[in-house]
């Protein structure tokens, strides 16, 4: 039993010496954190490649042209009306209503 206790003390002293040496080394050397780089994910790269191909394909498709025949017909209809104050207000109201419809159509509401 005496021998075991003696060996335990020696072990403890070795550990203390080692830890104090490590502590001195760690405080002497400045620690510069390395930037964390995300690992290259092959699925992400594949997804980016697919996205590029889809975008390229979409750029080749002709876009439809917007027809604004609704406004021109409404304006032609209202120019035929008499120009008394009530008809002018009605015409302005109709034009404003059509403008609101166009804005809603553009915003897809």
N, C-alpha and C. Protein backbone atom coordinates (compact mmCIF):
# COMPACT_ATOMS: atom_id res chain seq x y z
N UNK A 1 0.82 -1.19 0.00
CA UNK A 1 0.00 0.00 0.00
C UNK A 1 0.86 1.25 0.00
N UNK A 2 1.90 1.23 0.77
CA UNK A 2 2.83 2.36 0.84
C UNK A 2 3.43 2.64 -0.53
N UNK A 3 3.75 1.59 -1.23
CA UNK A 3 4.37 1.73 -2.54
C UNK A 3 3.40 2.36 -3.53
N UNK A 4 2.17 1.96 -3.46
CA UNK A 4 1.15 2.48 -4.38
C UNK A 4 0.95 3.98 -4.16
N UNK A 5 0.91 4.41 -2.90
CA UNK A 5 0.73 5.83 -2.59
C UNK A 5 1.93 6.61 -3.09
N UNK A 6 3.10 6.06 -2.90
CA UNK A 6 4.32 6.73 -3.35
C UNK A 6 4.31 6.88 -4.87
N UNK A 7 3.90 5.82 -5.57
CA UNK A 7 3.81 5.88 -7.04
C UNK A 7 2.76 6.87 -7.49
N UNK A 8 1.68 7.00 -6.73
CA UNK A 8 0.63 7.96 -7.05
C UNK A 8 1.13 9.38 -6.95
N UNK A 9 1.95 9.64 -5.95
CA UNK A 9 2.51 10.98 -5.79
C UNK A 9 3.42 11.31 -6.95
N UNK A 10 4.21 10.36 -7.33
CA UNK A 10 5.13 10.59 -8.46
C UNK A 10 4.33 10.91 -9.72
N UNK A 11 3.28 10.15 -9.92
CA UNK A 11 2.42 10.38 -11.11
C UNK A 11 1.81 11.78 -11.06
N UNK A 12 1.30 12.13 -9.88
CA UNK A 12 0.67 13.44 -9.72
C UNK A 12 1.69 14.55 -9.99
N UNK A 13 2.89 14.39 -9.49
CA UNK A 13 3.93 15.40 -9.71
C UNK A 13 4.31 15.50 -11.18
N UNK A 14 4.37 14.35 -11.88
CA UNK A 14 4.67 14.37 -13.32
C UNK A 14 3.59 15.12 -14.08
N UNK A 15 2.35 14.86 -13.71
CA UNK A 15 1.23 15.52 -14.38
C UNK A 15 1.28 17.02 -14.12
N UNK A 16 1.56 17.44 -12.89
CA UNK A 16 1.66 18.86 -12.56
C UNK A 16 2.78 19.52 -13.37
N UNK A 17 3.94 18.86 -13.44
CA UNK A 17 5.06 19.42 -14.20
C UNK A 17 4.68 19.55 -15.68
N UNK A 18 4.08 18.52 -16.19
CA UNK A 18 3.68 18.54 -17.60
C UNK A 18 2.67 19.66 -17.86
N UNK A 19 1.67 19.79 -17.00
CA UNK A 19 0.63 20.80 -17.22
C UNK A 19 1.20 22.21 -17.10
N UNK A 20 2.14 22.41 -16.17
CA UNK A 20 2.74 23.75 -16.05
C UNK A 20 3.58 24.06 -17.29
N UNK A 21 4.27 23.06 -17.83
CA UNK A 21 5.04 23.27 -19.07
C UNK A 21 4.13 23.59 -20.25
N UNK A 22 3.02 22.88 -20.34
CA UNK A 22 2.07 23.14 -21.42
C UNK A 22 1.48 24.53 -21.26
N UNK A 23 1.16 24.93 -20.05
CA UNK A 23 0.59 26.25 -19.80
C UNK A 23 1.56 27.34 -20.25
N UNK A 24 2.86 27.17 -19.97
CA UNK A 24 3.87 28.15 -20.38
C UNK A 24 3.93 28.24 -21.90
N UNK A 25 3.91 27.10 -22.57
CA UNK A 25 3.98 27.08 -24.03
C UNK A 25 2.72 27.73 -24.63
N UNK A 26 1.57 27.41 -24.09
CA UNK A 26 0.32 27.95 -24.62
C UNK A 26 0.22 29.47 -24.46
N UNK A 27 0.73 30.00 -23.35
CA UNK A 27 0.68 31.45 -23.15
C UNK A 27 1.73 32.16 -23.98
N UNK A 28 2.82 31.50 -24.33
CA UNK A 28 3.89 32.13 -25.11
C UNK A 28 3.52 32.23 -26.59
N UNK A 29 2.82 31.27 -27.11
CA UNK A 29 2.48 31.25 -28.53
C UNK A 29 1.10 31.89 -28.73
N UNK A 30 1.02 32.99 -29.50
CA UNK A 30 -0.30 33.58 -29.74
C UNK A 30 -1.15 32.66 -30.63
N UNK A 31 -2.41 32.57 -30.28
CA UNK A 31 -3.31 31.69 -31.01
C UNK A 31 -4.02 32.51 -32.09
N UNK A 32 -3.83 32.11 -33.33
CA UNK A 32 -4.52 32.77 -34.44
C UNK A 32 -5.58 31.81 -34.94
N UNK A 33 -6.83 32.19 -34.79
CA UNK A 33 -7.88 31.27 -35.23
C UNK A 33 -7.90 31.15 -36.76
N UNK A 34 -8.02 29.93 -37.21
CA UNK A 34 -8.11 29.69 -38.65
C UNK A 34 -9.53 29.94 -39.11
N UNK A 35 -9.68 30.55 -40.28
CA UNK A 35 -11.05 30.74 -40.77
C UNK A 35 -11.68 29.39 -41.09
N UNK A 36 -12.94 29.29 -40.73
CA UNK A 36 -13.66 28.04 -40.96
C UNK A 36 -14.19 28.06 -42.39
N UNK A 37 -13.77 27.11 -43.17
CA UNK A 37 -14.23 27.00 -44.55
C UNK A 37 -15.24 25.87 -44.64
N UNK A 38 -16.38 26.15 -45.23
CA UNK A 38 -17.35 25.07 -45.35
C UNK A 38 -16.83 24.01 -46.33
N UNK A 39 -17.09 22.77 -46.06
CA UNK A 39 -16.62 21.72 -46.96
C UNK A 39 -17.33 21.82 -48.31
N UNK A 40 -16.63 21.45 -49.35
CA UNK A 40 -17.23 21.46 -50.68
C UNK A 40 -18.30 20.39 -50.76
N UNK A 41 -19.51 20.85 -50.99
CA UNK A 41 -20.64 19.94 -51.08
C UNK A 41 -20.92 19.67 -52.56
N UNK A 42 -20.74 18.44 -53.03
CA UNK A 42 -20.96 18.17 -54.45
C UNK A 42 -22.40 18.42 -54.87
N UNK A 43 -23.36 18.24 -53.96
CA UNK A 43 -24.76 18.49 -54.30
C UNK A 43 -25.00 19.97 -54.53
N UNK A 44 -24.35 20.82 -53.75
CA UNK A 44 -24.51 22.26 -53.91
C UNK A 44 -23.93 22.70 -55.25
N UNK A 45 -22.77 22.17 -55.58
CA UNK A 45 -22.15 22.51 -56.86
C UNK A 45 -23.03 22.05 -58.02
N UNK A 46 -23.59 20.88 -57.88
CA UNK A 46 -24.49 20.35 -58.92
C UNK A 46 -25.73 21.23 -59.05
N UNK A 47 -26.26 21.68 -57.93
CA UNK A 47 -27.45 22.54 -57.94
C UNK A 47 -27.13 23.88 -58.61
N UNK A 48 -25.96 24.42 -58.34
CA UNK A 48 -25.57 25.69 -58.97
C UNK A 48 -25.43 25.52 -60.48
N UNK A 49 -24.87 24.40 -60.90
CA UNK A 49 -24.71 24.13 -62.33
C UNK A 49 -26.08 24.00 -62.99
N UNK A 50 -27.01 23.31 -62.35
CA UNK A 50 -28.36 23.16 -62.90
C UNK A 50 -29.05 24.52 -62.99
N UNK A 51 -28.87 25.34 -61.96
CA UNK A 51 -29.48 26.67 -61.94
C UNK A 51 -28.97 27.51 -63.10
N UNK A 52 -27.65 27.43 -63.38
CA UNK A 52 -27.08 28.17 -64.51
C UNK A 52 -27.67 27.71 -65.83
N UNK A 53 -27.81 26.38 -65.99
CA UNK A 53 -28.38 25.85 -67.23
C UNK A 53 -29.83 26.30 -67.42
N UNK A 54 -30.60 26.26 -66.34
CA UNK A 54 -32.01 26.67 -66.42
C UNK A 54 -32.11 28.14 -66.76
N UNK A 55 -31.26 28.96 -66.15
CA UNK A 55 -31.27 30.40 -66.42
C UNK A 55 -30.90 30.68 -67.87
N UNK A 56 -29.92 29.96 -68.37
CA UNK A 56 -29.51 30.13 -69.77
C UNK A 56 -30.66 29.73 -70.70
N UNK A 57 -31.32 28.63 -70.40
CA UNK A 57 -32.44 28.18 -71.22
C UNK A 57 -33.57 29.20 -71.19
N UNK A 58 -33.87 29.74 -70.01
CA UNK A 58 -34.95 30.72 -69.88
C UNK A 58 -34.64 32.00 -70.63
N UNK A 59 -33.38 32.35 -70.72
CA UNK A 59 -33.03 33.59 -71.43
C UNK A 59 -33.24 33.45 -72.94
N UNK A 60 -33.26 32.24 -73.45
CA UNK A 60 -33.45 32.02 -74.89
C UNK A 60 -34.92 32.00 -75.30
N UNK A 61 -35.83 31.83 -74.33
CA UNK A 61 -37.26 31.77 -74.64
C UNK A 61 -37.79 33.18 -74.84
N UNK A 62 -38.50 33.44 -75.96
CA UNK A 62 -39.03 34.79 -76.17
C UNK A 62 -40.14 35.10 -75.16
N UNK A 63 -40.10 36.32 -74.66
CA UNK A 63 -41.08 36.76 -73.67
C UNK A 63 -42.31 37.31 -74.38
N UNK A 64 -43.51 37.09 -73.85
CA UNK A 64 -44.73 37.62 -74.48
C UNK A 64 -44.79 39.13 -74.35
N UNK A 65 -45.38 39.77 -75.36
CA UNK A 65 -45.51 41.23 -75.34
C UNK A 65 -46.85 41.59 -74.71
N UNK A 66 -46.84 42.62 -73.89
CA UNK A 66 -48.03 43.05 -73.18
C UNK A 66 -48.85 43.93 -74.11
N UNK A 67 -50.14 43.63 -74.19
CA UNK A 67 -51.04 44.41 -75.01
C UNK A 67 -51.88 45.29 -74.10
N UNK A 68 -51.90 46.58 -74.37
CA UNK A 68 -52.70 47.52 -73.59
C UNK A 68 -53.87 48.03 -74.41
N UNK A 69 -54.63 47.13 -74.97
CA UNK A 69 -55.76 47.54 -75.79
C UNK A 69 -56.93 47.99 -74.93
N UNK A 70 -57.00 47.57 -73.66
CA UNK A 70 -58.10 47.96 -72.77
C UNK A 70 -58.14 49.48 -72.58
N UNK A 71 -56.99 50.09 -72.31
CA UNK A 71 -56.95 51.53 -72.08
C UNK A 71 -57.27 52.32 -73.33
N UNK A 72 -56.75 51.88 -74.47
CA UNK A 72 -56.98 52.65 -75.70
C UNK A 72 -58.46 52.62 -76.08
N UNK A 73 -59.14 51.50 -75.91
CA UNK A 73 -60.56 51.41 -76.22
C UNK A 73 -61.37 52.29 -75.27
N UNK A 74 -61.02 52.29 -74.00
CA UNK A 74 -61.74 53.09 -73.03
C UNK A 74 -61.57 54.57 -73.31
N UNK A 75 -60.35 54.99 -73.66
CA UNK A 75 -60.11 56.40 -73.96
C UNK A 75 -60.87 56.82 -75.21
N UNK A 76 -60.91 55.95 -76.24
CA UNK A 76 -61.65 56.28 -77.47
C UNK A 76 -63.13 56.42 -77.18
N UNK A 77 -63.66 55.58 -76.34
CA UNK A 77 -65.08 55.63 -76.00
C UNK A 77 -65.42 56.93 -75.29
N UNK A 78 -64.55 57.38 -74.41
CA UNK A 78 -64.85 58.57 -73.62
C UNK A 78 -64.61 59.87 -74.40
N UNK A 79 -63.86 59.84 -75.44
CA UNK A 79 -63.67 61.07 -76.21
C UNK A 79 -64.93 61.44 -76.98
N UNK A 80 -65.83 60.49 -77.19
CA UNK A 80 -67.06 60.76 -77.91
C UNK A 80 -68.12 61.43 -77.03
N UNK A 81 -67.94 61.40 -75.73
CA UNK A 81 -68.93 61.97 -74.83
C UNK A 81 -68.89 63.50 -74.88
N UNK A 82 -69.98 64.06 -74.47
CA UNK A 82 -70.05 65.51 -74.38
C UNK A 82 -69.11 65.98 -73.28
N UNK A 83 -68.66 67.19 -73.36
CA UNK A 83 -67.69 67.71 -72.41
C UNK A 83 -68.34 68.59 -71.33
N UNK A 84 -69.49 68.19 -70.81
CA UNK A 84 -70.06 68.93 -69.69
C UNK A 84 -69.36 68.46 -68.41
N UNK A 85 -69.46 69.20 -67.31
CA UNK A 85 -68.71 68.87 -66.09
C UNK A 85 -68.99 67.47 -65.56
N UNK A 86 -70.20 67.00 -65.61
CA UNK A 86 -70.52 65.66 -65.10
C UNK A 86 -69.87 64.59 -65.96
N UNK A 87 -69.94 64.73 -67.27
CA UNK A 87 -69.32 63.72 -68.14
C UNK A 87 -67.80 63.72 -68.00
N UNK A 88 -67.21 64.91 -67.76
CA UNK A 88 -65.76 64.96 -67.55
C UNK A 88 -65.38 64.21 -66.27
N UNK A 89 -66.17 64.39 -65.21
CA UNK A 89 -65.90 63.70 -63.96
C UNK A 89 -66.07 62.19 -64.12
N UNK A 90 -67.12 61.79 -64.87
CA UNK A 90 -67.33 60.37 -65.11
C UNK A 90 -66.18 59.77 -65.91
N UNK A 91 -65.73 60.51 -66.91
CA UNK A 91 -64.60 60.03 -67.72
C UNK A 91 -63.35 59.89 -66.85
N UNK A 92 -63.09 60.90 -66.03
CA UNK A 92 -61.92 60.84 -65.15
C UNK A 92 -62.03 59.66 -64.18
N UNK A 93 -63.22 59.42 -63.66
CA UNK A 93 -63.44 58.30 -62.76
C UNK A 93 -63.16 56.97 -63.46
N UNK A 94 -63.63 56.84 -64.68
CA UNK A 94 -63.41 55.59 -65.44
C UNK A 94 -61.93 55.39 -65.74
N UNK A 95 -61.23 56.47 -66.11
CA UNK A 95 -59.79 56.37 -66.37
C UNK A 95 -59.04 55.97 -65.09
N UNK A 96 -59.43 56.55 -63.97
CA UNK A 96 -58.79 56.19 -62.70
C UNK A 96 -59.06 54.73 -62.34
N UNK A 97 -60.28 54.28 -62.59
CA UNK A 97 -60.62 52.90 -62.31
C UNK A 97 -59.79 51.94 -63.17
N UNK A 98 -59.62 52.29 -64.46
CA UNK A 98 -58.80 51.46 -65.35
C UNK A 98 -57.33 51.48 -64.92
N UNK A 99 -56.86 52.62 -64.45
CA UNK A 99 -55.48 52.70 -63.98
C UNK A 99 -55.27 51.79 -62.77
N UNK A 100 -56.25 51.76 -61.88
CA UNK A 100 -56.16 50.88 -60.71
C UNK A 100 -56.15 49.43 -61.15
N UNK A 101 -56.97 49.08 -62.13
CA UNK A 101 -56.98 47.70 -62.64
C UNK A 101 -55.62 47.33 -63.23
N UNK A 102 -55.02 48.25 -63.97
CA UNK A 102 -53.70 47.98 -64.55
C UNK A 102 -52.65 47.77 -63.46
N UNK A 103 -52.71 48.60 -62.42
CA UNK A 103 -51.74 48.45 -61.34
C UNK A 103 -51.93 47.11 -60.64
N UNK A 104 -53.18 46.74 -60.41
CA UNK A 104 -53.45 45.44 -59.78
C UNK A 104 -52.98 44.30 -60.66
N UNK A 105 -53.15 44.41 -61.97
CA UNK A 105 -52.72 43.37 -62.89
C UNK A 105 -51.19 43.26 -62.88
N UNK A 106 -50.51 44.40 -62.81
CA UNK A 106 -49.05 44.39 -62.78
C UNK A 106 -48.53 43.80 -61.48
N UNK A 107 -49.22 44.09 -60.39
CA UNK A 107 -48.81 43.54 -59.09
C UNK A 107 -49.37 42.16 -58.85
N UNK A 108 -50.20 41.69 -59.74
CA UNK A 108 -50.82 40.36 -59.67
C UNK A 108 -51.60 40.18 -58.37
N UNK A 109 -52.44 41.14 -58.06
CA UNK A 109 -53.28 41.05 -56.85
C UNK A 109 -54.62 40.45 -57.18
